[in-house]
Amino acid sequence: MPEPAKLTVADSHCHIDMPQFDADRDEVVARARAAGVLTMLIVGGVDAEGGHQRALRVAQELGFPCSAGVHPHEARLYNDDIDGELRGLAGRLGIDRAITWIEHQRDIAGLFSASDVTIVPSLWSEPFGRVVIESMACETPVVASRVGGISEILTGEFAEWTVKPGQPEELASRALAIAERSQADPRIGQRARAHVASFFSLDRTIDGVEHVLLGAVERFGLPSSLAAVPSRPH
């Protein structure tokens, strides 16, 4: 019989550097590798707790090749001093040759498009789930937990891309199925992009927020000066 299909998995937000993993980090990584996870990305923050330093120390501890970068939320804090600090620490830890130093990335769409499937295994009720929109806009299918705003994004034919939260086996099975289907139905990515362009365009989102706010003004009897705010011109 042919070998079952497998995915090469990159965990892009694993937080394996957090203190909660101190007791069994090696065992967690071993299980991940056995399950087919070949890449684990720690998003190191430029913060008072030294998230970027912690990420490098864990990479050294685990013997992983790694990429060094800064979370987009904190890119404005990055400067030559921090760059030198990171490179110096990598040298002292003896892992500088194992690091790929990534410059500022503008082609985020290219990174999304390089994936066959994006997996969003959220356990909490995502208010929106922007990564789902971003991935689909790049014509990359998404398998995600059926929680919060994600369920409002993955509708119609894409509703079958959702699974009950906390079900890793089902996530893996669904991801494999969609990756195989994408080969047989190459237009599935185009339909995903059309879906988000139709339902989650900037204009439609602004109109929706405006409608909710004006409805709240009317329902709760807020001051007439607020109710008189004109609608955005089209």
Foldseek 3Di string as FASTA:
>chain_A
DDDDDDDQAAAADDPLLDPVNVVPSVVVVVVCVVNRHPHYHHAAEPDPVRSQLSVLVVCLVNVAQEEHDHDPVCPVVDDPVVVVVNLVSCVVSVCNVSYDYDDDDDPVLVVLLVDQEAEAQDPAADQAPVVCLSSLLSLHHYQYECHHNVCVQQDDPRNVSYDHHPDVVVNRVSSVVSSVVCVVVVCSSVVSSVSCCVCPPPVNVLVVVVVVVLVVCVVVVDDVVVNPPDDDDD
